[in-house]
Protein backbone atom coordinates (compact mmCIF):
# COMPACT_ATOMS: atom_id res chain seq x y z
CA MET A 1 -58.44 34.26 214.00
CA ASN A 2 -58.97 31.44 211.36
CA LYS A 3 -62.80 30.48 211.37
CA LEU A 4 -61.81 26.77 210.87
CA PHE A 5 -60.05 26.54 214.02
CA THR A 6 -58.74 28.41 217.04
CA ALA A 7 -55.68 27.75 219.05
CA SER A 8 -54.97 29.11 222.55
CA LEU A 9 -52.15 28.95 224.77
CA LEU A 10 -53.16 27.41 228.18
CA SER A 11 -49.98 27.43 230.08
CA LEU A 12 -46.46 28.22 229.60
CA ALA A 13 -43.99 28.59 232.51
CA VAL A 14 -42.15 31.82 232.43
CA PHE A 15 -38.33 31.47 232.37
CA ALA A 16 -35.51 33.97 232.19
CA SER A 17 -34.10 32.43 229.12
CA TYR A 18 -34.60 29.23 227.11
CA ALA A 19 -31.46 27.80 228.54
CA ASN A 20 -33.19 27.55 231.95
CA ALA A 21 -36.73 26.32 230.51
CA GLU A 22 -37.91 23.01 231.91
CA ILE A 23 -41.50 22.29 230.58
CA LEU A 24 -43.11 23.79 227.58
CA THR A 25 -46.97 23.23 226.94
CA TYR A 26 -49.25 24.35 224.37
CA THR A 27 -52.97 23.54 223.52
CA ALA A 28 -54.68 23.96 220.40
CA THR A 29 -58.22 23.28 219.08
CA SER A 30 -59.76 22.73 215.79
CA LYS A 31 -63.16 22.25 214.28
CA LYS A 32 -61.81 20.24 211.51
CA SER A 33 -60.14 17.11 212.94
CA GLN A 34 -58.18 15.72 215.80
CA LYS A 35 -55.14 15.36 213.37
CA GLU A 36 -55.21 19.20 212.94
CA ALA A 37 -55.47 19.80 216.51
CA ASP A 38 -52.40 17.67 217.04
CA MET A 39 -50.27 19.40 214.34
CA LEU A 40 -51.39 22.85 215.78
CA ALA A 41 -50.14 22.04 219.27
CA LEU A 42 -46.95 20.82 217.83
CA GLU A 43 -46.66 24.03 215.64
CA GLY A 44 -47.26 26.15 218.94
CA LEU A 45 -44.26 24.43 220.50
CA ALA A 46 -42.19 24.81 217.50
CA LYS A 47 -42.65 28.72 217.56
CA GLN A 48 -41.79 28.59 221.18
CA LEU A 49 -38.59 26.85 220.44
CA ARG A 50 -37.81 29.59 217.67
CA THR A 51 -37.82 26.80 215.12
CA LYS A 52 -38.46 27.42 211.49
CA VAL A 53 -42.26 27.45 210.82
CA SER A 54 -43.79 28.45 207.49
CA SER A 55 -47.33 29.35 207.24
CA GLU A 56 -49.54 30.17 204.29
CA PHE A 57 -52.93 31.77 204.62
CA ALA A 58 -55.22 32.04 201.67
CA THR A 59 -58.85 33.16 201.27
CA GLU A 60 -60.82 31.96 198.42
CA VAL A 61 -63.77 34.21 197.41
CA LYS A 62 -66.68 32.91 195.20
CA GLU A 63 -69.64 34.68 193.74
CA ASP A 64 -72.73 32.76 192.60
CA ALA A 65 -75.14 33.78 189.84
CA LYS A 66 -77.43 35.75 192.16
CA GLY A 67 -74.43 37.91 193.25
CA ASN A 68 -73.92 36.29 196.51
CA VAL A 69 -70.22 36.48 197.88
CA THR A 70 -68.81 33.84 200.00
CA SER A 71 -65.25 33.42 201.36
CA THR A 72 -63.50 30.61 202.84
CA ALA A 73 -60.18 30.82 204.86
CA LYS A 74 -57.59 28.05 204.28
CA SER A 75 -54.49 27.57 206.32
CA THR A 76 -51.37 25.26 205.65
CA LYS A 77 -48.62 25.01 208.05
CA ASN A 78 -45.57 23.04 208.31
CA THR A 79 -42.95 22.70 211.09
CA SER A 80 -39.53 22.33 209.41
CA THR A 81 -37.93 20.66 212.40
CA ASN A 82 -37.99 17.04 213.48
CA MET A 83 -36.92 17.88 217.13
CA VAL A 84 -40.46 18.96 218.12
CA LEU A 85 -41.99 15.86 216.58
CA LYS A 86 -39.41 13.53 218.16
CA GLY A 87 -39.32 15.17 221.57
CA ALA A 88 -42.81 16.31 222.18
CA LYS A 89 -45.63 14.33 223.81
CA VAL A 90 -49.19 14.98 222.41
CA THR A 91 -52.26 14.31 224.40
CA PRO A 92 -55.65 14.52 222.94
CA GLY A 93 -58.02 16.54 225.00
CA PRO A 94 -61.87 16.18 225.59
CA LYS A 95 -63.88 17.41 222.45
CA SER A 96 -66.02 20.39 223.54
CA GLY A 97 -68.39 22.45 221.58
CA GLY A 98 -67.75 20.59 218.33
CA LYS A 99 -63.88 21.27 218.54
CA PHE A 100 -60.97 18.73 218.80
CA GLN A 101 -58.49 19.48 221.37
CA SER A 102 -54.80 18.42 221.70
CA THR A 103 -51.96 19.45 224.26
CA ALA A 104 -48.31 19.26 223.10
CA THR A 105 -45.61 18.99 226.10
CA MET A 106 -41.92 18.99 226.02
CA ASP A 107 -39.31 18.67 228.67
CA THR A 108 -36.63 20.89 227.28
CA GLU A 109 -33.93 19.56 229.70
CA GLN A 110 -34.61 15.95 228.72
CA MET A 111 -34.62 16.85 225.04
CA ALA A 112 -31.41 18.56 225.42
CA SER A 113 -29.73 15.46 227.16
CA LYS A 114 -30.92 13.24 224.24
CA ILE A 115 -29.47 15.76 221.70
CA LEU A 116 -26.10 15.91 223.37
CA VAL A 117 -25.97 12.09 223.28
CA ASP A 118 -26.64 12.11 219.60
CA ILE A 119 -23.96 14.87 219.05
CA GLU A 120 -21.25 12.80 220.65
CA SER A 121 -22.20 9.59 218.71
CA ILE A 122 -21.94 11.40 215.56
CA ARG A 123 -18.67 13.17 216.71
CA LYS A 124 -17.22 9.52 217.41
CA GLU A 125 -18.37 8.31 213.87
CA MET A 126 -16.84 11.27 212.19
CA HIS A 127 -13.58 10.66 213.91
CA ALA A 128 -13.57 6.80 212.70
CA LYS A 129 -14.64 8.00 209.24
CA ASP A 130 -11.59 10.58 209.02
CA SER A 131 -9.28 7.62 209.92
CA ILE A 132 -10.67 5.33 207.27
CA ILE A 133 -10.31 8.04 204.51
CA ARG A 134 -6.84 8.61 205.33
CA LEU A 135 -6.26 4.83 204.82
CA ASP A 136 -8.18 5.07 201.53
CA MET A 137 -5.66 7.56 200.45
CA VAL A 138 -2.87 5.60 201.21
CA ASP A 139 -4.26 2.89 199.15
CA GLY A 140 -5.10 4.94 196.34
CA ASP A 141 -8.70 3.62 196.41
CA TYR A 142 -10.50 6.59 194.77
CA ARG A 143 -13.86 4.92 194.61
CA LYS A 144 -13.97 4.12 198.39
CA MET A 145 -12.46 7.44 199.15
CA GLY A 146 -15.29 9.30 197.25
CA VAL A 147 -17.93 7.00 198.87
CA ASP A 148 -16.49 7.64 202.45
CA MET A 149 -16.27 11.49 201.77
CA LEU A 150 -19.89 11.70 200.85
CA ALA A 151 -20.64 9.73 204.03
CA LEU A 152 -18.50 12.02 206.23
CA GLU A 153 -20.37 15.06 204.70
CA LYS A 154 -23.71 13.68 205.67
CA LEU A 155 -22.47 13.09 209.29
CA ALA A 156 -21.32 16.76 209.36
CA ASP A 157 -25.01 17.76 208.22
CA ARG A 158 -26.40 15.62 210.79
CA TYR A 159 -23.97 17.21 213.41
CA ASN A 160 -25.19 20.80 212.57
CA GLU A 161 -28.94 19.92 212.40
CA ASN A 162 -28.52 18.51 215.97
CA LEU A 163 -26.63 21.73 217.04
CA GLU A 164 -29.38 23.85 215.49
CA ASP A 165 -32.00 21.72 217.46
CA LEU A 166 -29.93 22.11 220.61
CA SER A 167 -29.69 25.98 220.09
CA CYS A 168 -33.51 26.05 220.72
CA VAL A 169 -33.25 24.89 224.22
CA GLN A 170 -29.87 26.01 225.38
CA LYS A 171 -26.90 28.02 224.49
CA ILE A 172 -24.41 26.15 222.55
CA PRO A 173 -20.90 25.98 224.31
CA ASP A 174 -18.05 26.67 222.03
CA ASN A 175 -16.45 23.13 222.68
CA LEU A 176 -19.68 21.74 220.70
CA ARG A 177 -18.88 23.78 217.50
CA LEU A 178 -17.91 21.38 214.59
CA GLU A 179 -14.23 21.16 213.71
CA SER A 180 -14.10 19.20 210.63
CA THR A 181 -11.35 18.00 208.47
CA ILE A 182 -13.65 17.75 205.28
CA GLY A 183 -11.88 20.86 203.63
CA GLU A 184 -8.67 19.13 204.04
CA LEU A 185 -9.65 15.82 202.98
CA THR A 186 -11.54 17.11 199.99
CA GLU A 187 -8.41 19.09 198.69
CA TYR A 188 -6.31 15.86 199.00
CA LEU A 189 -9.02 13.92 197.14
CA ILE A 190 -9.32 16.44 194.24
CA SER A 191 -5.49 16.76 194.08
CA GLY A 192 -5.23 13.10 193.56
CA MET A 193 -7.97 13.00 190.99
CA GLU A 194 -6.43 16.11 188.90
CA SER A 195 -3.39 13.79 188.42
CA LEU A 196 -5.31 11.05 186.86
CA LYS A 197 -4.37 9.99 183.30
CA MET A 198 -6.53 7.62 181.04
CA GLU A 199 -5.45 5.81 177.87
CA THR A 200 -7.67 3.69 175.71
CA ASP A 201 -6.52 0.79 173.33
CA LEU A 202 -9.09 -0.78 170.89
CA THR A 203 -8.21 -4.07 169.73
CA SER A 204 -9.97 -6.71 167.67
CA GLU A 205 -11.08 -8.33 170.76
CA ALA A 206 -11.69 -5.64 173.31
CA LEU A 207 -11.34 -2.19 174.34
CA ILE A 208 -8.48 -1.61 176.86
CA VAL A 209 -8.34 1.36 179.20
CA THR A 210 -5.39 2.10 181.42
CA VAL A 211 -5.76 4.53 184.34
CA THR A 212 -2.72 5.94 186.20
CA ASP A 213 -1.90 8.57 188.57
CA PHE A 214 1.18 10.30 190.40
CA ASN A 215 1.96 7.14 191.89
CA GLY A 216 1.63 4.95 188.74
CA PRO A 217 -1.06 2.24 187.75
CA VAL A 218 -4.34 2.78 189.77
CA VAL A 219 -6.08 -0.53 191.11
CA GLY A 220 -9.59 -1.00 191.48
CA PHE A 221 -10.57 2.26 189.55
CA PRO A 222 -14.22 2.24 188.59
CA LEU A 223 -15.01 3.22 184.92
CA ALA A 224 -18.15 3.32 183.11
CA LEU A 225 -19.03 2.86 179.32
CA THR A 226 -21.67 5.18 177.98
CA GLN A 227 -23.51 5.71 174.76
CA ASP A 228 -26.79 7.52 173.88
CA SER A 229 -26.77 8.88 177.39
CA ARG A 230 -26.76 5.44 178.85
CA ASP A 231 -24.35 3.30 180.84
CA ILE A 232 -23.77 0.12 179.05
CA ALA A 233 -20.78 -1.36 180.96
CA HIS A 234 -19.00 -1.12 184.19
CA GLU A 235 -15.40 -2.37 184.99
CA LYS A 236 -12.43 -1.75 187.46
CA THR A 237 -8.85 -1.55 186.74
CA ASN A 238 -6.64 -4.58 187.59
CA GLU A 239 -3.20 -4.62 189.31
CA GLU A 240 -1.90 -3.17 186.09
CA GLY A 241 -4.24 -0.27 186.05
CA GLU A 242 -6.06 -1.89 183.17
CA ALA A 243 -9.90 -2.26 182.75
CA VAL A 244 -11.07 -4.48 179.79
CA PHE A 245 -14.40 -4.17 177.93
CA SER A 246 -15.21 -6.90 175.53
CA LEU A 247 -16.35 -6.00 171.99
CA ALA A 248 -19.74 -7.23 172.97
CA GLN A 249 -19.92 -4.73 175.62
CA VAL A 250 -18.58 -1.98 173.32
CA LYS A 251 -21.32 -2.98 170.62
CA LYS A 252 -24.22 -3.50 172.87
CA LEU A 253 -26.37 -0.85 171.41
CA HIS A 254 -24.87 -0.15 167.96
CA PRO A 255 -22.58 -2.36 165.48
CA SER A 256 -20.68 1.05 164.79
CA GLY A 257 -20.43 4.27 166.58
CA ASP A 258 -18.74 5.98 169.43
CA VAL A 259 -18.58 5.14 173.16
CA THR A 260 -17.29 7.17 176.04
CA VAL A 261 -15.21 5.99 178.88
CA HIS A 262 -15.42 8.01 181.99
CA ALA A 263 -14.65 7.72 185.72
CA ASP A 264 -17.57 5.92 187.71
CA LEU A 265 -17.32 8.22 190.67
CA SER A 266 -19.38 10.86 192.36
CA PHE A 267 -19.95 13.75 189.81
CA LYS A 268 -19.31 16.18 192.58
CA TYR A 269 -15.60 15.36 192.91
CA VAL A 270 -15.21 14.40 189.15
CA ARG A 271 -16.54 18.01 188.14
CA LYS A 272 -14.24 19.60 190.79
CA SER A 273 -11.27 17.71 189.54
CA ALA A 274 -11.99 17.75 185.84
CA VAL A 275 -11.29 14.19 185.27
CA ILE A 276 -10.92 13.53 181.70
CA SER A 277 -13.17 11.03 179.81
CA LYS A 278 -12.12 9.36 176.39
CA SER A 279 -14.36 8.96 173.34
CA VAL A 280 -13.57 5.81 171.17
CA HIS A 281 -14.89 5.29 167.64
CA TYR A 282 -15.37 1.50 166.68
CA THR A 283 -16.83 -0.05 163.55
CA SER A 284 -18.12 -3.53 162.43
CA ASP A 285 -17.43 -5.46 159.27
CA VAL A 286 -19.68 -4.56 156.34
CA ALA A 287 -22.61 -7.15 156.22
CA ALA A 288 -21.86 -9.91 153.90
CA CYS A 289 -25.59 -10.38 153.02
CA ALA A 290 -28.18 -8.19 151.30
CA TYR A 291 -32.00 -8.71 151.42
CA THR A 292 -35.15 -7.88 149.97
CA LEU A 293 -37.46 -6.98 152.95
CA GLU A 294 -41.17 -8.10 152.89
CA CYS A 295 -42.81 -6.24 155.85
CA VAL A 296 -46.18 -6.97 157.21
CA GLY A 297 -47.45 -4.36 159.69
CA PRO A 298 -48.20 -0.87 160.15
CA THR A 299 -46.84 1.39 157.32
CA GLU A 300 -44.82 3.86 159.75
CA ALA A 301 -43.42 0.91 161.41
CA CYS A 302 -42.30 -1.09 158.46
CA GLY A 303 -40.60 1.99 156.98
CA ALA A 304 -38.70 2.50 160.31
CA LEU A 305 -37.81 -1.02 160.28
CA ARG A 306 -36.07 -0.78 156.70
CA GLY A 307 -34.13 2.25 158.02
CA HIS A 308 -33.13 0.73 161.04
CA LEU A 309 -31.84 -2.38 159.36
CA ILE A 310 -29.70 -0.22 156.96
CA ALA A 311 -28.36 1.74 160.11
CA SER A 312 -27.47 -1.57 161.70
CA GLY A 313 -25.14 -2.44 158.58
CA ILE A 314 -27.45 -4.71 156.73
CA SER A 315 -28.02 -3.98 153.01
CA ILE A 316 -31.78 -3.79 151.92
CA SER A 317 -32.53 -3.55 148.28
CA ASP A 318 -35.44 -3.94 145.88
CA LYS A 319 -33.48 -6.61 143.63
CA ALA A 320 -35.81 -9.33 142.90
CA ASN A 321 -32.81 -11.83 142.85
CA LEU A 322 -31.79 -11.20 146.49
CA PRO A 323 -32.90 -13.47 149.52
CA LYS A 324 -36.05 -12.58 151.18
CA MET A 325 -36.42 -11.23 154.82
CA LYS A 326 -39.66 -11.55 156.15
CA ALA A 327 -40.80 -9.26 158.93
CA THR A 328 -44.00 -9.08 160.91
CA ILE A 329 -44.80 -6.29 163.31
CA THR A 330 -47.66 -6.18 165.64
CA SER A 331 -48.65 -3.10 167.91
CA ALA A 332 -50.59 -2.54 170.97
CA ASP A 333 -51.30 1.23 171.06
CA LYS A 334 -52.50 3.22 174.12
CA ILE A 335 -53.48 7.11 173.91
CA ASN A 336 -53.19 9.11 177.27
CA SER A 337 -56.19 10.73 178.72
CA SER A 338 -55.13 14.20 177.26
CA LYS A 339 -54.92 12.76 173.77
CA THR A 340 -51.34 14.34 173.34
CA LEU A 341 -49.16 11.22 173.52
CA CYS A 342 -49.57 7.55 172.35
CA THR A 343 -47.67 4.69 173.80
CA SER A 344 -47.00 1.81 171.51
CA ARG A 345 -45.62 -1.55 172.35
CA ILE A 346 -44.65 -3.46 169.28
CA THR A 347 -43.52 -7.35 168.73
CA LEU A 348 -41.30 -7.59 165.75
CA ALA A 349 -40.48 -11.20 164.34
CA ILE A 350 -37.87 -11.51 161.49
CA GLU A 351 -36.88 -14.56 159.46
CA ALA A 352 -34.06 -14.77 156.70
CA GLY A 353 -33.05 -18.03 155.60
CA LYS A 354 -32.20 -20.22 158.79
CA GLN A 355 -32.00 -17.16 161.00
CA SER A 356 -34.81 -15.69 162.97
CA ILE A 357 -35.52 -13.32 165.90
CA SER A 358 -38.26 -12.16 168.07
CA GLU A 359 -38.16 -8.68 169.92
CA GLN A 360 -40.44 -6.49 171.78
CA ALA A 361 -39.90 -2.78 172.22
CA GLN A 362 -41.86 0.24 173.54
CA GLY A 363 -42.00 3.74 171.92
CA VAL A 364 -43.73 7.04 172.65
CA GLY A 365 -44.87 9.60 170.04
CA ARG A 366 -47.59 12.47 169.20
CA ASP A 367 -49.41 9.63 167.39
CA GLU A 368 -49.57 5.95 166.60
CA GLY A 369 -47.15 6.07 163.73
CA ILE A 370 -44.51 7.97 165.44
CA ALA A 371 -44.78 5.83 168.47
CA GLN A 372 -44.48 2.61 166.43
CA ALA A 373 -41.54 3.72 164.63
CA THR A 374 -39.71 4.96 167.72
CA ALA A 375 -40.19 1.54 169.26
CA VAL A 376 -38.90 -0.17 166.13
CA LYS A 377 -35.71 2.00 166.39
CA LYS A 378 -35.16 0.74 170.19
CA VAL A 379 -34.56 -2.97 168.75
CA ASN A 380 -31.04 -3.95 169.49
CA ALA A 381 -29.14 -3.04 166.29
CA THR A 382 -25.97 -5.22 167.32
CA ARG A 383 -28.18 -8.22 167.69
CA LEU A 384 -29.70 -7.59 164.02
CA HIS A 385 -26.37 -7.18 162.72
CA ASP A 386 -24.81 -10.30 164.25
CA THR A 387 -27.97 -12.44 163.44
CA PHE A 388 -28.45 -11.36 159.65
CA GLY A 389 -25.29 -9.71 158.52
CA LYS A 390 -23.29 -12.74 157.94
CA ALA A 391 -26.13 -15.45 157.66
CA CYS A 392 -25.67 -16.06 153.93
CA LYS A 393 -21.89 -16.77 154.16
């Protein structure tokens, strides 16, 4: 028996089986708190109802400088069902002998009745959702079909959870066993997605993506444009099965590089059907201007800025006859408590001729220099290219 508390069963009616049980009662006491007494009483009911109860007991042993050994027993318990918590009535008892007392009571017939009402409600929801999914199929609406399928699966999970709870208080009739159409519907969805085809066309104004399946153009198909493991744009196909991404969307992060177009659907179904994605390479015109960079700020940050400008398509040279680009970098740095990482928030101001920008970014690194350089590299490269690349024309 744990020294911190004692739990005792005061009264429990004896029944031939759980199916015939009416009232269950369990009383627990605790020296620690009323809250622990309440939880112990609920756990007592949970054990009686054959629910999953996990228990962990640990004894901590300490020895002081004089060689005295002491041990402290600890207990952590968790009831892995919501049924007891929802269906039981907890009544605090009088405190006696320094112990808190609590009694948990459950009417199992009443609880079974409530669960049966929930089960019937879920069954109706599943039937309605099945009909909706079949209409999604007729419409060829893959996005809505995927969303509704996930909702149907959640309803099935809820149904089975309620059956598990009901099994604790009565035998489950065969007519309550779940007969779901999820398998059939999933197979239809996957077969449709396996027929999807994607074509891309990069023009001087936009990236055009066309999606078709076995029926022809797919309307309202969701697509995502990604780069550097980030979603940078979302579009849906029109009546012709075409989705149009502007060049501004394509070049959001970098003036040149590669973007990937993929189905913006649940990964679960995309993975099963192996829906293809497309990688598209794009470029920007070489910047017409070249500059001599004058940077005021931390050495690492200024070095990173020079490299970032060149990567953005802007020529930087030490030739004296080139126009000057003046940059100022200020940084607010903070080392974490363990002194292993630094977070730097930089403010970057750049002027060249009549053009100027001001940007803020944040970076993390092992020290201030690395964190500052990381922050500088996060400044939008496309904006740098568009602002200064053709400023001298």
